[in-house]
Amino acid sequence: MSGGASSHNISKSGDAEALLSLRASIDPLTKLQWSTGSHVCTWQGVKHCLNGRVTKLVVEGFNLTGTLDGQSLNLLDQLRVLSFKQNSLSGEIPPLSGLANLKSLFLNDNNFSGEIPASLSSMHRLKVVVLSGNGIAGPIPPSFVGLSRLLLLYLPDNRLTGAIPTFNQTSLRFLT
């Protein structure tokens, strides 16, 4: 009987370990008060959990710096909402294909560079993608036309180039 409880605790601690590893890459001044002495679902910015797993992480306006650790972030595979908006994160947006349940992604108003990761187009549950106010360059990945649930794609104030793909999703309500 303890085997089931033990594996359940491992998944919970997995999210805690992933968040602590992520914090090491973006929070050198330890502004996020995350402690292994408390349950991960009570941590600052963790807005929702389901069955002990983090499903909504909203860490906005903390002036976080550094680059997103994609390896740690992808371990949070139950995330539905991820927001790091209004920070000072830089570098390229890492591939996030491990976040198969992600519905909303807010990385706006940071200092991201590079291109929009084409890996986002493999995340078929994505409904909202907000990447405005960064230094992202290059084209909008043509593969985004395959995101059948996409409602909102918000990309202004970047350095995007190239043609806008022909979006034919009936769900798409806002594209800029």
N, C-alpha and C. Protein backbone atom coordinates (compact mmCIF):
# COMPACT_ATOMS: atom_id res chain seq x y z
N MET A 1 0.83 -1.18 0.00
CA MET A 1 0.00 0.00 0.00
C MET A 1 0.87 1.25 0.00
N SER A 2 1.99 1.21 0.71
CA SER A 2 2.85 2.39 0.76
C SER A 2 3.49 2.68 -0.59
N GLY A 3 3.60 1.68 -1.47
CA GLY A 3 4.19 1.90 -2.79
C GLY A 3 3.44 2.94 -3.58
N GLY A 4 2.08 2.91 -3.54
CA GLY A 4 1.28 3.89 -4.26
C GLY A 4 1.48 5.28 -3.70
N ALA A 5 1.49 5.38 -2.38
CA ALA A 5 1.68 6.69 -1.76
C ALA A 5 3.06 7.23 -2.08
N SER A 6 4.04 6.32 -2.07
CA SER A 6 5.40 6.74 -2.35
C SER A 6 5.53 7.31 -3.76
N SER A 7 4.95 6.63 -4.76
CA SER A 7 5.06 7.13 -6.13
C SER A 7 4.31 8.44 -6.28
N HIS A 8 3.22 8.62 -5.53
CA HIS A 8 2.49 9.89 -5.58
C HIS A 8 3.35 11.02 -5.02
N ASN A 9 4.07 10.73 -3.94
CA ASN A 9 4.96 11.74 -3.37
C ASN A 9 6.12 12.07 -4.30
N ILE A 10 6.59 11.08 -5.04
CA ILE A 10 7.68 11.33 -5.98
C ILE A 10 7.24 12.33 -7.04
N SER A 11 6.01 12.18 -7.55
CA SER A 11 5.55 13.12 -8.58
C SER A 11 5.43 14.52 -8.00
N LYS A 12 4.97 14.62 -6.75
CA LYS A 12 4.87 15.94 -6.12
C LYS A 12 6.25 16.57 -5.96
N SER A 13 7.19 15.78 -5.44
CA SER A 13 8.52 16.34 -5.22
C SER A 13 9.19 16.62 -6.55
N GLY A 14 8.82 15.89 -7.60
CA GLY A 14 9.37 16.15 -8.93
C GLY A 14 9.08 17.57 -9.38
N ASP A 15 7.86 18.04 -9.14
CA ASP A 15 7.52 19.41 -9.50
C ASP A 15 8.33 20.40 -8.66
N ALA A 16 8.48 20.11 -7.37
CA ALA A 16 9.26 20.98 -6.50
C ALA A 16 10.71 21.05 -6.98
N GLU A 17 11.29 19.90 -7.29
CA GLU A 17 12.68 19.88 -7.76
C GLU A 17 12.82 20.62 -9.08
N ALA A 18 11.85 20.44 -9.97
CA ALA A 18 11.89 21.13 -11.26
C ALA A 18 11.81 22.64 -11.06
N LEU A 19 10.93 23.10 -10.17
CA LEU A 19 10.80 24.54 -9.92
C LEU A 19 12.07 25.10 -9.27
N LEU A 20 12.65 24.37 -8.34
CA LEU A 20 13.88 24.86 -7.69
C LEU A 20 15.02 24.93 -8.70
N SER A 21 15.10 23.98 -9.59
CA SER A 21 16.12 24.00 -10.64
C SER A 21 15.87 25.17 -11.60
N LEU A 22 14.61 25.38 -11.94
CA LEU A 22 14.25 26.51 -12.80
C LEU A 22 14.62 27.83 -12.12
N ARG A 23 14.30 27.94 -10.83
CA ARG A 23 14.61 29.18 -10.10
C ARG A 23 16.11 29.47 -10.12
N ALA A 24 16.93 28.43 -10.06
CA ALA A 24 18.38 28.62 -10.07
C ALA A 24 18.84 29.31 -11.36
N SER A 25 18.09 29.13 -12.46
CA SER A 25 18.51 29.71 -13.74
C SER A 25 17.93 31.11 -13.97
N ILE A 26 16.89 31.51 -13.22
CA ILE A 26 16.23 32.80 -13.51
C ILE A 26 16.11 33.73 -12.31
N ASP A 27 16.51 33.29 -11.14
CA ASP A 27 16.27 34.08 -9.93
C ASP A 27 17.51 34.13 -9.04
N PRO A 28 18.59 34.79 -9.53
CA PRO A 28 19.82 34.81 -8.73
C PRO A 28 19.68 35.53 -7.40
N LEU A 29 18.72 36.44 -7.28
CA LEU A 29 18.54 37.19 -6.02
C LEU A 29 17.51 36.53 -5.11
N THR A 30 17.02 35.36 -5.48
CA THR A 30 16.05 34.58 -4.70
C THR A 30 14.84 35.43 -4.31
N LYS A 31 14.24 36.06 -5.29
CA LYS A 31 13.02 36.83 -5.05
C LYS A 31 11.82 35.91 -4.85
N LEU A 32 11.87 34.75 -5.49
CA LEU A 32 10.80 33.77 -5.34
C LEU A 32 11.05 32.97 -4.06
N GLN A 33 10.12 33.07 -3.14
CA GLN A 33 10.27 32.40 -1.85
C GLN A 33 9.74 30.97 -1.96
N TRP A 34 10.54 30.11 -2.54
CA TRP A 34 10.20 28.70 -2.69
C TRP A 34 11.05 27.91 -1.72
N SER A 35 10.39 27.08 -0.92
CA SER A 35 11.11 26.34 0.10
C SER A 35 10.67 24.89 0.11
N THR A 36 11.63 23.98 0.20
CA THR A 36 11.31 22.56 0.25
C THR A 36 10.59 22.20 1.54
N GLY A 37 10.56 23.09 2.51
CA GLY A 37 9.85 22.83 3.76
C GLY A 37 8.35 22.99 3.66
N SER A 38 7.87 23.52 2.54
CA SER A 38 6.42 23.69 2.36
C SER A 38 5.99 22.96 1.09
N HIS A 39 4.69 22.72 0.99
CA HIS A 39 4.18 22.00 -0.17
C HIS A 39 4.24 22.89 -1.41
N VAL A 40 4.67 22.33 -2.53
CA VAL A 40 4.86 23.09 -3.77
C VAL A 40 3.59 23.86 -4.17
N CYS A 41 2.43 23.34 -3.84
CA CYS A 41 1.18 24.00 -4.24
C CYS A 41 0.91 25.27 -3.46
N THR A 42 1.70 25.53 -2.41
CA THR A 42 1.55 26.77 -1.65
C THR A 42 2.61 27.81 -2.02
N TRP A 43 3.49 27.47 -2.95
CA TRP A 43 4.60 28.35 -3.30
C TRP A 43 4.11 29.57 -4.07
N GLN A 44 4.83 30.66 -3.89
CA GLN A 44 4.57 31.92 -4.58
C GLN A 44 4.53 31.68 -6.09
N GLY A 45 3.45 32.13 -6.73
CA GLY A 45 3.31 31.99 -8.17
C GLY A 45 2.63 30.71 -8.61
N VAL A 46 2.57 29.72 -7.74
CA VAL A 46 1.84 28.49 -8.07
C VAL A 46 0.37 28.78 -7.77
N LYS A 47 -0.41 28.99 -8.82
CA LYS A 47 -1.79 29.44 -8.67
C LYS A 47 -2.80 28.30 -8.64
N HIS A 48 -2.39 27.12 -9.11
CA HIS A 48 -3.32 26.00 -9.10
C HIS A 48 -2.56 24.69 -9.18
N CYS A 49 -3.06 23.70 -8.48
CA CYS A 49 -2.52 22.34 -8.54
C CYS A 49 -3.69 21.39 -8.74
N LEU A 50 -3.39 20.23 -9.30
CA LEU A 50 -4.37 19.17 -9.46
C LEU A 50 -3.67 17.87 -9.09
N ASN A 51 -4.23 17.16 -8.12
CA ASN A 51 -3.62 15.93 -7.63
C ASN A 51 -2.16 16.13 -7.23
N GLY A 52 -1.86 17.27 -6.60
CA GLY A 52 -0.52 17.55 -6.11
C GLY A 52 0.46 18.01 -7.17
N ARG A 53 0.01 18.16 -8.42
CA ARG A 53 0.88 18.59 -9.51
C ARG A 53 0.56 20.04 -9.88
N VAL A 54 1.58 20.81 -10.20
CA VAL A 54 1.41 22.22 -10.57
C VAL A 54 0.76 22.30 -11.95
N THR A 55 -0.36 23.03 -12.03
CA THR A 55 -1.06 23.20 -13.30
C THR A 55 -1.08 24.66 -13.77
N LYS A 56 -0.82 25.58 -12.85
CA LYS A 56 -0.82 27.00 -13.22
C LYS A 56 0.32 27.70 -12.49
N LEU A 57 1.30 28.21 -13.27
CA LEU A 57 2.45 28.92 -12.71
C LEU A 57 2.45 30.33 -13.28
N VAL A 58 2.25 31.31 -12.40
CA VAL A 58 2.17 32.72 -12.81
C VAL A 58 3.18 33.50 -11.98
N VAL A 59 4.32 33.82 -12.61
CA VAL A 59 5.40 34.54 -11.94
C VAL A 59 5.66 35.80 -12.76
N GLU A 60 4.91 36.85 -12.44
CA GLU A 60 4.92 38.07 -13.24
C GLU A 60 5.48 39.25 -12.45
N GLY A 61 6.30 40.05 -13.14
CA GLY A 61 6.77 41.29 -12.55
C GLY A 61 7.75 41.14 -11.40
N PHE A 62 8.54 40.09 -11.38
CA PHE A 62 9.53 39.88 -10.33
C PHE A 62 10.92 40.34 -10.73
N ASN A 63 11.06 40.90 -11.93
CA ASN A 63 12.35 41.30 -12.47
C ASN A 63 13.34 40.13 -12.48
N LEU A 64 12.82 38.96 -12.84
CA LEU A 64 13.67 37.78 -12.95
C LEU A 64 14.60 37.95 -14.14
N THR A 65 15.81 37.43 -14.02
CA THR A 65 16.81 37.55 -15.08
C THR A 65 17.33 36.17 -15.44
N GLY A 66 18.16 36.12 -16.45
CA GLY A 66 18.73 34.84 -16.86
C GLY A 66 17.91 34.23 -17.98
N THR A 67 18.18 32.96 -18.24
CA THR A 67 17.50 32.27 -19.32
C THR A 67 16.66 31.14 -18.76
N LEU A 68 15.55 30.86 -19.45
CA LEU A 68 14.68 29.78 -19.01
C LEU A 68 15.38 28.43 -19.20
N ASP A 69 15.36 27.64 -18.17
CA ASP A 69 15.92 26.29 -18.21
C ASP A 69 14.83 25.36 -18.75
N GLY A 70 14.90 25.10 -20.05
CA GLY A 70 13.88 24.29 -20.70
C GLY A 70 13.80 22.88 -20.14
N GLN A 71 14.92 22.31 -19.75
CA GLN A 71 14.92 20.95 -19.22
C GLN A 71 14.09 20.88 -17.94
N SER A 72 14.29 21.83 -17.04
CA SER A 72 13.51 21.85 -15.79
C SER A 72 12.05 22.18 -16.07
N LEU A 73 11.82 23.16 -16.93
CA LEU A 73 10.46 23.59 -17.24
C LEU A 73 9.64 22.46 -17.85
N ASN A 74 10.25 21.68 -18.72
CA ASN A 74 9.54 20.59 -19.39
C ASN A 74 9.15 19.46 -18.45
N LEU A 75 9.72 19.42 -17.25
CA LEU A 75 9.33 18.42 -16.26
C LEU A 75 7.97 18.74 -15.64
N LEU A 76 7.53 19.98 -15.78
CA LEU A 76 6.23 20.40 -15.23
C LEU A 76 5.14 20.06 -16.26
N ASP A 77 5.02 18.77 -16.55
CA ASP A 77 4.19 18.33 -17.67
C ASP A 77 2.68 18.43 -17.44
N GLN A 78 2.26 18.86 -16.26
CA GLN A 78 0.83 19.05 -16.03
C GLN A 78 0.41 20.52 -16.14
N LEU A 79 1.37 21.40 -16.47
CA LEU A 79 1.04 22.82 -16.59
C LEU A 79 -0.01 23.05 -17.66
N ARG A 80 -1.02 23.86 -17.32
CA ARG A 80 -2.03 24.33 -18.28
C ARG A 80 -1.77 25.80 -18.62
N VAL A 81 -1.27 26.56 -17.63
CA VAL A 81 -0.99 27.99 -17.80
C VAL A 81 0.42 28.26 -17.30
N LEU A 82 1.19 28.98 -18.13
CA LEU A 82 2.55 29.38 -17.77
C LEU A 82 2.71 30.84 -18.11
N SER A 83 3.04 31.66 -17.10
CA SER A 83 3.25 33.08 -17.35
C SER A 83 4.49 33.58 -16.63
N PHE A 84 5.41 34.12 -17.43
CA PHE A 84 6.59 34.80 -16.91
C PHE A 84 6.59 36.24 -17.41
N LYS A 85 5.43 36.80 -17.69
CA LYS A 85 5.39 38.13 -18.28
C LYS A 85 5.93 39.20 -17.33
N GLN A 86 6.42 40.28 -17.94
CA GLN A 86 6.94 41.45 -17.23
C GLN A 86 8.10 41.11 -16.29
N ASN A 87 9.07 40.39 -16.83
CA ASN A 87 10.32 40.12 -16.13
C ASN A 87 11.45 40.62 -17.02
N SER A 88 12.65 40.18 -16.77
CA SER A 88 13.81 40.56 -17.60
C SER A 88 14.54 39.31 -18.09
N LEU A 89 13.77 38.28 -18.43
CA LEU A 89 14.35 37.05 -18.93
C LEU A 89 14.91 37.26 -20.32
N SER A 90 15.99 36.56 -20.64
CA SER A 90 16.65 36.77 -21.93
C SER A 90 17.02 35.43 -22.56
N GLY A 91 17.70 35.51 -23.69
CA GLY A 91 18.07 34.31 -24.40
C GLY A 91 16.91 33.82 -25.26
N GLU A 92 17.09 32.65 -25.81
CA GLU A 92 16.05 32.07 -26.66
C GLU A 92 14.99 31.39 -25.81
N ILE A 93 13.78 31.37 -26.32
CA ILE A 93 12.72 30.59 -25.67
C ILE A 93 13.05 29.13 -25.94
N PRO A 94 13.19 28.34 -24.88
CA PRO A 94 13.58 26.93 -25.10
C PRO A 94 12.42 26.13 -25.69
N PRO A 95 12.73 24.99 -26.30
CA PRO A 95 11.65 24.10 -26.73
C PRO A 95 10.81 23.71 -25.50
N LEU A 96 9.51 23.76 -25.64
CA LEU A 96 8.62 23.48 -24.52
C LEU A 96 7.70 22.30 -24.82
N SER A 97 8.11 21.43 -25.73
CA SER A 97 7.23 20.35 -26.17
C SER A 97 6.91 19.35 -25.06
N GLY A 98 7.65 19.37 -23.95
CA GLY A 98 7.31 18.52 -22.81
C GLY A 98 6.06 18.97 -22.09
N LEU A 99 5.62 20.20 -22.38
CA LEU A 99 4.42 20.74 -21.73
C LEU A 99 3.20 20.44 -22.60
N ALA A 100 2.92 19.16 -22.77
CA ALA A 100 1.87 18.72 -23.70
C ALA A 100 0.48 19.19 -23.30
N ASN A 101 0.26 19.54 -22.04
CA ASN A 101 -1.06 19.97 -21.58
C ASN A 101 -1.23 21.49 -21.59
N LEU A 102 -0.18 22.22 -21.96
CA LEU A 102 -0.20 23.68 -21.88
C LEU A 102 -1.26 24.28 -22.81
N LYS A 103 -2.08 25.17 -22.24
CA LYS A 103 -3.13 25.85 -23.00
C LYS A 103 -2.81 27.33 -23.20
N SER A 104 -2.13 27.95 -22.23
CA SER A 104 -1.86 29.39 -22.30
C SER A 104 -0.40 29.65 -21.94
N LEU A 105 0.28 30.42 -22.82
CA LEU A 105 1.69 30.75 -22.62
C LEU A 105 1.86 32.26 -22.72
N PHE A 106 2.33 32.87 -21.63
CA PHE A 106 2.56 34.31 -21.57
C PHE A 106 4.04 34.56 -21.26
N LEU A 107 4.79 34.96 -22.28
CA LEU A 107 6.21 35.28 -22.09
C LEU A 107 6.47 36.72 -22.52
N ASN A 108 5.43 37.53 -22.55
CA ASN A 108 5.54 38.90 -23.04
C ASN A 108 6.29 39.80 -22.07
N ASP A 109 6.81 40.87 -22.66
CA ASP A 109 7.51 41.93 -21.91
C ASP A 109 8.71 41.40 -21.14
N ASN A 110 9.59 40.72 -21.87
CA ASN A 110 10.87 40.24 -21.37
C ASN A 110 11.92 40.68 -22.38
N ASN A 111 13.04 40.00 -22.40
CA ASN A 111 14.12 40.31 -23.35
C ASN A 111 14.49 39.09 -24.18
N PHE A 112 13.51 38.26 -24.50
CA PHE A 112 13.80 37.06 -25.28
C PHE A 112 14.28 37.44 -26.67
N SER A 113 15.17 36.62 -27.21
CA SER A 113 15.70 36.83 -28.56
C SER A 113 15.58 35.51 -29.31
N GLY A 114 16.20 35.45 -30.47
CA GLY A 114 16.10 34.25 -31.27
C GLY A 114 14.76 34.21 -31.99
N GLU A 115 14.38 33.03 -32.44
CA GLU A 115 13.14 32.86 -33.18
C GLU A 115 12.07 32.24 -32.29
N ILE A 116 10.84 32.32 -32.77
CA ILE A 116 9.75 31.62 -32.09
C ILE A 116 10.03 30.13 -32.27
N PRO A 117 10.09 29.37 -31.17
CA PRO A 117 10.41 27.95 -31.33
C PRO A 117 9.30 27.22 -32.10
N ALA A 118 9.70 26.55 -33.17
CA ALA A 118 8.74 25.78 -33.96
C ALA A 118 8.12 24.67 -33.12
N SER A 119 8.80 24.26 -32.05
CA SER A 119 8.28 23.19 -31.19
C SER A 119 6.92 23.56 -30.58
N LEU A 120 6.62 24.85 -30.49
CA LEU A 120 5.31 25.25 -29.96
C LEU A 120 4.18 24.69 -30.81
N SER A 121 4.44 24.51 -32.10
CA SER A 121 3.38 24.02 -32.97
C SER A 121 3.04 22.55 -32.73
N SER A 122 3.85 21.84 -31.95
CA SER A 122 3.52 20.45 -31.62
C SER A 122 2.65 20.36 -30.37
N MET A 123 2.39 21.52 -29.75
CA MET A 123 1.61 21.56 -28.51
C MET A 123 0.14 21.80 -28.87
N HIS A 124 -0.57 20.73 -29.17
CA HIS A 124 -1.89 20.83 -29.78
C HIS A 124 -2.98 21.38 -28.88
N ARG A 125 -2.73 21.52 -27.60
CA ARG A 125 -3.74 22.10 -26.70
C ARG A 125 -3.62 23.62 -26.59
N LEU A 126 -2.56 24.20 -27.15
CA LEU A 126 -2.33 25.64 -27.03
C LEU A 126 -3.50 26.44 -27.59
N LYS A 127 -4.00 27.36 -26.76
CA LYS A 127 -5.07 28.26 -27.17
C LYS A 127 -4.59 29.71 -27.21
N VAL A 128 -3.70 30.08 -26.28
CA VAL A 128 -3.24 31.45 -26.14
C VAL A 128 -1.72 31.47 -26.13
N VAL A 129 -1.13 32.27 -27.05
CA VAL A 129 0.33 32.46 -27.10
C VAL A 129 0.58 33.96 -27.16
N VAL A 130 1.20 34.49 -26.10
CA VAL A 130 1.50 35.92 -26.02
C VAL A 130 3.01 36.07 -25.85
N LEU A 131 3.67 36.57 -26.91
CA LEU A 131 5.12 36.74 -26.92
C LEU A 131 5.51 38.19 -27.22
N SER A 132 4.60 39.11 -27.10
CA SER A 132 4.85 40.51 -27.44
C SER A 132 5.89 41.14 -26.53
N GLY A 133 6.50 42.22 -27.02
CA GLY A 133 7.42 42.99 -26.20
C GLY A 133 8.73 42.30 -25.89
N ASN A 134 9.27 41.58 -26.86
CA ASN A 134 10.56 40.92 -26.72
C ASN A 134 11.43 41.33 -27.90
N GLY A 135 12.52 40.64 -28.10
CA GLY A 135 13.39 40.89 -29.25
C GLY A 135 13.40 39.70 -30.19
N ILE A 136 12.27 39.02 -30.27
CA ILE A 136 12.17 37.82 -31.11
C ILE A 136 12.22 38.23 -32.57
N ALA A 137 13.01 37.50 -33.35
CA ALA A 137 13.21 37.80 -34.77
C ALA A 137 12.80 36.60 -35.61
N GLY A 138 12.83 36.80 -36.92
CA GLY A 138 12.52 35.72 -37.84
C GLY A 138 11.04 35.61 -38.12
N PRO A 139 10.66 34.52 -38.77
CA PRO A 139 9.27 34.36 -39.19
C PRO A 139 8.39 33.73 -38.11
N ILE A 140 7.09 33.86 -38.31
CA ILE A 140 6.13 33.08 -37.54
C ILE A 140 6.20 31.67 -38.13
N PRO A 141 6.45 30.65 -37.32
CA PRO A 141 6.56 29.31 -37.90
C PRO A 141 5.30 28.93 -38.69
N PRO A 142 5.46 28.54 -39.95
CA PRO A 142 4.31 28.15 -40.75
C PRO A 142 3.52 27.00 -40.12
N SER A 143 4.21 26.18 -39.31
CA SER A 143 3.55 25.04 -38.67
C SER A 143 2.49 25.47 -37.65
N PHE A 144 2.46 26.76 -37.28
CA PHE A 144 1.44 27.25 -36.36
C PHE A 144 0.03 27.09 -36.93
N VAL A 145 -0.09 26.98 -38.24
CA VAL A 145 -1.42 26.79 -38.83
C VAL A 145 -2.01 25.45 -38.39
N GLY A 146 -1.19 24.56 -37.86
CA GLY A 146 -1.67 23.27 -37.37
C GLY A 146 -2.20 23.30 -35.95
N LEU A 147 -2.11 24.45 -35.28
CA LEU A 147 -2.63 24.56 -33.91
C LEU A 147 -4.15 24.79 -34.00
N SER A 148 -4.89 23.70 -34.01
CA SER A 148 -6.32 23.77 -34.30
C SER A 148 -7.14 24.46 -33.21
N ARG A 149 -6.62 24.58 -31.99
CA ARG A 149 -7.37 25.21 -30.89
C ARG A 149 -6.96 26.66 -30.64
N LEU A 150 -6.03 27.16 -31.44
CA LEU A 150 -5.48 28.50 -31.21
C LEU A 150 -6.58 29.57 -31.27
N LEU A 151 -6.70 30.33 -30.17
CA LEU A 151 -7.66 31.43 -30.08
C LEU A 151 -6.97 32.78 -30.25
N LEU A 152 -5.77 32.93 -29.67
CA LEU A 152 -5.10 34.21 -29.62
C LEU A 152 -3.60 34.02 -29.85
N LEU A 153 -3.07 34.77 -30.81
CA LEU A 153 -1.63 34.79 -31.07
C LEU A 153 -1.24 36.26 -31.08
N TYR A 154 -0.48 36.69 -30.06
CA TYR A 154 -0.18 38.11 -29.86
C TYR A 154 1.34 38.28 -29.90
N LEU A 155 1.84 38.92 -30.97
CA LEU A 155 3.28 38.99 -31.22
C LEU A 155 3.86 40.39 -31.45
N PRO A 156 3.13 41.49 -31.23
CA PRO A 156 3.71 42.80 -31.56
C PRO A 156 4.95 43.15 -30.74
N ASP A 157 5.63 44.18 -31.21
CA ASP A 157 6.83 44.69 -30.54
C ASP A 157 7.93 43.64 -30.45
N ASN A 158 8.14 42.97 -31.58
CA ASN A 158 9.27 42.07 -31.78
C ASN A 158 9.91 42.47 -33.10
N ARG A 159 10.82 41.66 -33.58
CA ARG A 159 11.49 41.95 -34.86
C ARG A 159 11.18 40.84 -35.86
N LEU A 160 9.92 40.49 -35.96
CA LEU A 160 9.51 39.40 -36.83
C LEU A 160 9.60 39.83 -38.29
N THR A 161 9.92 38.86 -39.13
CA THR A 161 10.04 39.11 -40.57
C THR A 161 9.30 38.00 -41.31
N GLY A 162 9.11 38.23 -42.60
CA GLY A 162 8.49 37.20 -43.43
C GLY A 162 6.98 37.32 -43.47
N ALA A 163 6.41 36.45 -44.27
CA ALA A 163 4.97 36.46 -44.47
C ALA A 163 4.24 35.86 -43.26
N ILE A 164 3.04 36.34 -43.05
CA ILE A 164 2.19 35.76 -42.01
C ILE A 164 1.56 34.51 -42.60
N PRO A 165 1.70 33.37 -41.93
CA PRO A 165 1.10 32.14 -42.47
C PRO A 165 -0.41 32.31 -42.66
N THR A 166 -0.96 31.51 -43.54
CA THR A 166 -2.41 31.54 -43.79
C THR A 166 -3.11 30.72 -42.72
N PHE A 167 -3.53 31.41 -41.68
CA PHE A 167 -4.23 30.74 -40.58
C PHE A 167 -5.67 30.48 -41.01
N ASN A 168 -6.09 29.23 -40.93
CA ASN A 168 -7.46 28.91 -41.31
C ASN A 168 -8.23 28.27 -40.16
N GLN A 169 -7.71 28.43 -38.94
CA GLN A 169 -8.41 27.89 -37.78
C GLN A 169 -9.70 28.66 -37.57
N THR A 170 -10.78 27.94 -37.40
CA THR A 170 -12.05 28.60 -37.10
C THR A 170 -12.04 29.14 -35.67
N SER A 171 -11.16 28.61 -34.82
CA SER A 171 -11.09 29.05 -33.43
C SER A 171 -10.37 30.40 -33.28
N LEU A 172 -9.50 30.76 -34.23
CA LEU A 172 -8.65 31.94 -34.07
C LEU A 172 -9.49 33.22 -34.02
N ARG A 173 -9.36 33.95 -32.93
CA ARG A 173 -10.15 35.18 -32.73
C ARG A 173 -9.28 36.43 -32.77
N PHE A 174 -8.00 36.29 -32.46
CA PHE A 174 -7.16 37.47 -32.34
C PHE A 174 -5.76 37.14 -32.80
N LEU A 175 -5.29 37.85 -33.82
CA LEU A 175 -3.94 37.67 -34.34
C LEU A 175 -3.33 39.03 -34.57
N THR A 176 -2.25 39.33 -33.89
CA THR A 176 -1.54 40.58 -34.11
C THR A 176 -0.09 40.42 -33.77
